[in-house]
Amino acid sequence: MYVVCKDHVELAIDMFVDEFEEAPDIVDLDQTKFIEWDPPVTCQECEQRAKFLII
């Protein structure tokens, strides 16, 4: 699972495919709310606001 900004989506997709050898699901964090989990606020690759969850 990767939580990234718009600039790092392609990198996260590549890392996911390398690790799991299948295409990930991409969740827009602005459009989705979770009941029991608060996603990180910042991208795991930089300090920008996290926008996507790659799972």
PDB file of N, CA and C in Angstrom:
ATOM      1  N   MET A   1       0.853  -1.165   0.000  1.00  0.00           N
ATOM      2  CA  MET A   1       0.000   0.000   0.000  1.00  0.00           C
ATOM      3  C   MET A   1       0.904   1.234   0.000  1.00  0.00           C
ATOM      4  N   TYR A   2       0.547   2.195  -0.840  1.00  0.00           N
ATOM      5  CA  TYR A   2       1.302   3.434  -0.945  1.00  0.00           C
ATOM      6  C   TYR A   2       0.334   4.603  -0.874  1.00  0.00           C
ATOM      7  N   VAL A   3       0.713   5.623  -0.133  1.00  0.00           N
ATOM      8  CA  VAL A   3      -0.078   6.849  -0.042  1.00  0.00           C
ATOM      9  C   VAL A   3       0.795   7.951  -0.626  1.00  0.00           C
ATOM     10  N   VAL A   4       0.347   8.511  -1.752  1.00  0.00           N
ATOM     11  CA  VAL A   4       1.202   9.445  -2.486  1.00  0.00           C
ATOM     12  C   VAL A   4       0.443  10.658  -3.007  1.00  0.00           C
ATOM     13  N   CYS A   5       1.217  11.668  -3.375  1.00  0.00           N
ATOM     14  CA  CYS A   5       0.664  12.856  -4.027  1.00  0.00           C
ATOM     15  C   CYS A   5       0.518  12.578  -5.525  1.00  0.00           C
ATOM     16  N   LYS A   6      -0.037  13.543  -6.230  1.00  0.00           N
ATOM     17  CA  LYS A   6      -0.257  13.401  -7.673  1.00  0.00           C
ATOM     18  C   LYS A   6       1.065  13.181  -8.417  1.00  0.00           C
ATOM     19  N   ASP A   7       2.126  13.828  -7.970  1.00  0.00           N
ATOM     20  CA  ASP A   7       3.420  13.731  -8.647  1.00  0.00           C
ATOM     21  C   ASP A   7       4.063  12.350  -8.523  1.00  0.00           C
ATOM     22  N   HIS A   8       3.702  11.573  -7.522  1.00  0.00           N
ATOM     23  CA  HIS A   8       4.344  10.289  -7.287  1.00  0.00           C
ATOM     24  C   HIS A   8       3.450   9.081  -7.577  1.00  0.00           C
ATOM     25  N   VAL A   9       2.331   9.297  -8.239  1.00  0.00           N
ATOM     26  CA  VAL A   9       1.425   8.181  -8.569  1.00  0.00           C
ATOM     27  C   VAL A   9       2.119   7.156  -9.465  1.00  0.00           C
ATOM     28  N   GLU A  10       2.776   7.607 -10.507  1.00  0.00           N
ATOM     29  CA  GLU A  10       3.429   6.663 -11.428  1.00  0.00           C
ATOM     30  C   GLU A  10       4.506   5.850 -10.719  1.00  0.00           C
ATOM     31  N   LEU A  11       5.280   6.487  -9.863  1.00  0.00           N
ATOM     32  CA  LEU A  11       6.307   5.783  -9.106  1.00  0.00           C
ATOM     33  C   LEU A  11       5.676   4.721  -8.216  1.00  0.00           C
ATOM     34  N   ALA A  12       4.600   5.068  -7.514  1.00  0.00           N
ATOM     35  CA  ALA A  12       3.926   4.114  -6.634  1.00  0.00           C
ATOM     36  C   ALA A  12       3.333   2.942  -7.423  1.00  0.00           C
ATOM     37  N   ILE A  13       2.770   3.227  -8.585  1.00  0.00           N
ATOM     38  CA  ILE A  13       2.237   2.146  -9.434  1.00  0.00           C
ATOM     39  C   ILE A  13       3.360   1.209  -9.844  1.00  0.00           C
ATOM     40  N   ASP A  14       4.494   1.764 -10.276  1.00  0.00           N
ATOM     41  CA  ASP A  14       5.637   0.939 -10.676  1.00  0.00           C
ATOM     42  C   ASP A  14       6.136   0.088  -9.514  1.00  0.00           C
ATOM     43  N   MET A  15       6.230   0.673  -8.327  1.00  0.00           N
ATOM     44  CA  MET A  15       6.699  -0.084  -7.162  1.00  0.00           C
ATOM     45  C   MET A  15       5.721  -1.200  -6.812  1.00  0.00           C
ATOM     46  N   PHE A  16       4.406  -0.914  -6.908  1.00  0.00           N
ATOM     47  CA  PHE A  16       3.384  -1.919  -6.611  1.00  0.00           C
ATOM     48  C   PHE A  16       3.492  -3.082  -7.597  1.00  0.00           C
ATOM     49  N   VAL A  17       3.599  -2.770  -8.887  1.00  0.00           N
ATOM     50  CA  VAL A  17       3.686  -3.814  -9.911  1.00  0.00           C
ATOM     51  C   VAL A  17       4.958  -4.638  -9.724  1.00  0.00           C
ATOM     52  N   ASP A  18       6.067  -3.983  -9.406  1.00  0.00           N
ATOM     53  CA  ASP A  18       7.315  -4.718  -9.161  1.00  0.00           C
ATOM     54  C   ASP A  18       7.176  -5.682  -7.985  1.00  0.00           C
ATOM     55  N   GLU A  19       6.482  -5.249  -6.955  1.00  0.00           N
ATOM     56  CA  GLU A  19       6.352  -6.072  -5.748  1.00  0.00           C
ATOM     57  C   GLU A  19       5.314  -7.179  -5.888  1.00  0.00           C
ATOM     58  N   PHE A  20       4.146  -6.863  -6.457  1.00  0.00           N
ATOM     59  CA  PHE A  20       3.030  -7.814  -6.477  1.00  0.00           C
ATOM     60  C   PHE A  20       2.742  -8.422  -7.847  1.00  0.00           C
ATOM     61  N   GLU A  21       3.376  -7.904  -8.889  1.00  0.00           N
ATOM     62  CA  GLU A  21       3.227  -8.406 -10.252  1.00  0.00           C
ATOM     63  C   GLU A  21       1.783  -8.397 -10.746  1.00  0.00           C
ATOM     64  N   GLU A  22       1.042  -7.372 -10.333  1.00  0.00           N
ATOM     65  CA  GLU A  22      -0.318  -7.149 -10.821  1.00  0.00           C
ATOM     66  C   GLU A  22      -0.634  -5.665 -10.712  1.00  0.00           C
ATOM     67  N   ALA A  23      -1.652  -5.251 -11.425  1.00  0.00           N
ATOM     68  CA  ALA A  23      -2.039  -3.841 -11.416  1.00  0.00           C
ATOM     69  C   ALA A  23      -2.739  -3.482 -10.108  1.00  0.00           C
ATOM     70  N   PRO A  24      -2.425  -2.313  -9.555  1.00  0.00           N
ATOM     71  CA  PRO A  24      -3.064  -1.902  -8.301  1.00  0.00           C
ATOM     72  C   PRO A  24      -4.407  -1.232  -8.525  1.00  0.00           C
ATOM     73  N   ASP A  25      -5.144  -1.089  -7.444  1.00  0.00           N
ATOM     74  CA  ASP A  25      -6.322  -0.229  -7.429  1.00  0.00           C
ATOM     75  C   ASP A  25      -5.836   1.139  -6.970  1.00  0.00           C
ATOM     76  N   ILE A  26      -6.411   2.180  -7.541  1.00  0.00           N
ATOM     77  CA  ILE A  26      -6.037   3.541  -7.190  1.00  0.00           C
ATOM     78  C   ILE A  26      -7.259   4.227  -6.609  1.00  0.00           C
ATOM     79  N   VAL A  27      -7.132   4.687  -5.366  1.00  0.00           N
ATOM     80  CA  VAL A  27      -8.234   5.309  -4.655  1.00  0.00           C
ATOM     81  C   VAL A  27      -7.917   6.790  -4.468  1.00  0.00           C
ATOM     82  N   ASP A  28      -8.838   7.643  -4.901  1.00  0.00           N
ATOM     83  CA  ASP A  28      -8.701   9.085  -4.702  1.00  0.00           C
ATOM     84  C   ASP A  28      -9.117   9.405  -3.271  1.00  0.00           C
ATOM     85  N   LEU A  29      -8.187   9.881  -2.477  1.00  0.00           N
ATOM     86  CA  LEU A  29      -8.471  10.134  -1.061  1.00  0.00           C
ATOM     87  C   LEU A  29      -9.431  11.295  -0.851  1.00  0.00           C
ATOM     88  N   ASP A  30      -9.599  12.147  -1.856  1.00  0.00           N
ATOM     89  CA  ASP A  30     -10.574  13.235  -1.757  1.00  0.00           C
ATOM     90  C   ASP A  30     -12.004  12.728  -1.938  1.00  0.00           C
ATOM     91  N   GLN A  31     -12.153  11.578  -2.576  1.00  0.00           N
ATOM     92  CA  GLN A  31     -13.468  11.026  -2.879  1.00  0.00           C
ATOM     93  C   GLN A  31     -13.891   9.903  -1.936  1.00  0.00           C
ATOM     94  N   THR A  32     -12.982   9.434  -1.093  1.00  0.00           N
ATOM     95  CA  THR A  32     -13.241   8.262  -0.269  1.00  0.00           C
ATOM     96  C   THR A  32     -12.995   8.573   1.202  1.00  0.00           C
ATOM     97  N   LYS A  33     -13.876   8.107   2.046  1.00  0.00           N
ATOM     98  CA  LYS A  33     -13.711   8.241   3.493  1.00  0.00           C
ATOM     99  C   LYS A  33     -13.668   6.838   4.091  1.00  0.00           C
ATOM    100  N   PHE A  34     -12.834   6.662   5.100  1.00  0.00           N
ATOM    101  CA  PHE A  34     -12.690   5.377   5.755  1.00  0.00           C
ATOM    102  C   PHE A  34     -13.253   5.471   7.168  1.00  0.00           C
ATOM    103  N   ILE A  35     -13.916   4.432   7.616  1.00  0.00           N
ATOM    104  CA  ILE A  35     -14.553   4.432   8.938  1.00  0.00           C
ATOM    105  C   ILE A  35     -13.516   4.284  10.050  1.00  0.00           C
ATOM    106  N   GLU A  36     -12.594   3.344   9.909  1.00  0.00           N
ATOM    107  CA  GLU A  36     -11.677   3.033  11.008  1.00  0.00           C
ATOM    108  C   GLU A  36     -10.224   3.294  10.674  1.00  0.00           C
ATOM    109  N   TRP A  37      -9.931   4.103   9.675  1.00  0.00           N
ATOM    110  CA  TRP A  37      -8.547   4.374   9.293  1.00  0.00           C
ATOM    111  C   TRP A  37      -8.438   5.787   8.758  1.00  0.00           C
ATOM    112  N   ASP A  38      -7.484   6.526   9.273  1.00  0.00           N
ATOM    113  CA  ASP A  38      -7.189   7.858   8.760  1.00  0.00           C
ATOM    114  C   ASP A  38      -5.909   7.770   7.936  1.00  0.00           C
ATOM    115  N   PRO A  39      -5.997   8.023   6.634  1.00  0.00           N
ATOM    116  CA  PRO A  39      -4.793   7.939   5.803  1.00  0.00           C
ATOM    117  C   PRO A  39      -3.783   9.015   6.191  1.00  0.00           C
ATOM    118  N   PRO A  40      -2.515   8.771   5.930  1.00  0.00           N
ATOM    119  CA  PRO A  40      -1.509   9.797   6.189  1.00  0.00           C
ATOM    120  C   PRO A  40      -1.839  11.088   5.445  1.00  0.00           C
ATOM    121  N   VAL A  41      -1.446  12.191   6.015  1.00  0.00           N
ATOM    122  CA  VAL A  41      -1.745  13.497   5.433  1.00  0.00           C
ATOM    123  C   VAL A  41      -0.768  13.843   4.312  1.00  0.00           C
ATOM    124  N   THR A  42       0.474  13.371   4.436  1.00  0.00           N
ATOM    125  CA  THR A  42       1.487  13.711   3.435  1.00  0.00           C
ATOM    126  C   THR A  42       1.909  12.485   2.630  1.00  0.00           C
ATOM    127  N   CYS A  43       2.409  12.765   1.463  1.00  0.00           N
ATOM    128  CA  CYS A  43       2.942  11.753   0.555  1.00  0.00           C
ATOM    129  C   CYS A  43       4.112  11.033   1.223  1.00  0.00           C
ATOM    130  N   GLN A  44       4.227   9.745   0.995  1.00  0.00           N
ATOM    131  CA  GLN A  44       5.342   9.016   1.588  1.00  0.00           C
ATOM    132  C   GLN A  44       6.655   9.273   0.868  1.00  0.00           C
ATOM    133  N   GLU A  45       6.616   9.933  -0.291  1.00  0.00           N
ATOM    134  CA  GLU A  45       7.826  10.236  -1.054  1.00  0.00           C
ATOM    135  C   GLU A  45       8.296  11.679  -0.894  1.00  0.00           C
ATOM    136  N   CYS A  46       7.406  12.564  -0.451  1.00  0.00           N
ATOM    137  CA  CYS A  46       7.750  13.977  -0.283  1.00  0.00           C
ATOM    138  C   CYS A  46       6.825  14.576   0.772  1.00  0.00           C
ATOM    139  N   GLU A  47       6.819  15.856   0.907  1.00  0.00           N
ATOM    140  CA  GLU A  47       6.012  16.508   1.933  1.00  0.00           C
ATOM    141  C   GLU A  47       4.700  17.099   1.402  1.00  0.00           C
ATOM    142  N   GLN A  48       4.358  16.822   0.136  1.00  0.00           N
ATOM    143  CA  GLN A  48       3.104  17.328  -0.415  1.00  0.00           C
ATOM    144  C   GLN A  48       1.921  16.570   0.180  1.00  0.00           C
ATOM    145  N   ARG A  49       0.742  17.153   0.021  1.00  0.00           N
ATOM    146  CA  ARG A  49      -0.478  16.517   0.523  1.00  0.00           C
ATOM    147  C   ARG A  49      -0.751  15.210  -0.211  1.00  0.00           C
ATOM    148  N   ALA A  50      -1.028  14.152   0.540  1.00  0.00           N
ATOM    149  CA  ALA A  50      -1.352  12.851  -0.058  1.00  0.00           C
ATOM    150  C   ALA A  50      -2.703  12.938  -0.745  1.00  0.00           C
ATOM    151  N   LYS A  51      -2.781  12.405  -1.958  1.00  0.00           N
ATOM    152  CA  LYS A  51      -4.009  12.467  -2.746  1.00  0.00           C
ATOM    153  C   LYS A  51      -4.509  11.077  -3.142  1.00  0.00           C
ATOM    154  N   PHE A  52      -3.618  10.109  -3.276  1.00  0.00           N
ATOM    155  CA  PHE A  52      -3.999   8.781  -3.766  1.00  0.00           C
ATOM    156  C   PHE A  52      -3.502   7.670  -2.881  1.00  0.00           C
ATOM    157  N   LEU A  53      -4.315   6.621  -2.778  1.00  0.00           N
ATOM    158  CA  LEU A  53      -3.962   5.394  -2.104  1.00  0.00           C
ATOM    159  C   LEU A  53      -3.806   4.341  -3.199  1.00  0.00           C
ATOM    160  N   ILE A  54      -2.645   3.732  -3.252  1.00  0.00           N
ATOM    161  CA  ILE A  54      -2.356   2.695  -4.252  1.00  0.00           C
ATOM    162  C   ILE A  54      -2.369   1.361  -3.522  1.00  0.00           C
ATOM    163  N   ILE A  55      -3.356   0.510  -3.840  1.00  0.00           N
ATOM    164  CA  ILE A  55      -3.478  -0.795  -3.151  1.00  0.00           C
ATOM    165  C   ILE A  55      -3.728  -1.906  -4.150  1.00  0.00           C
TER     166      ILE A  55
END
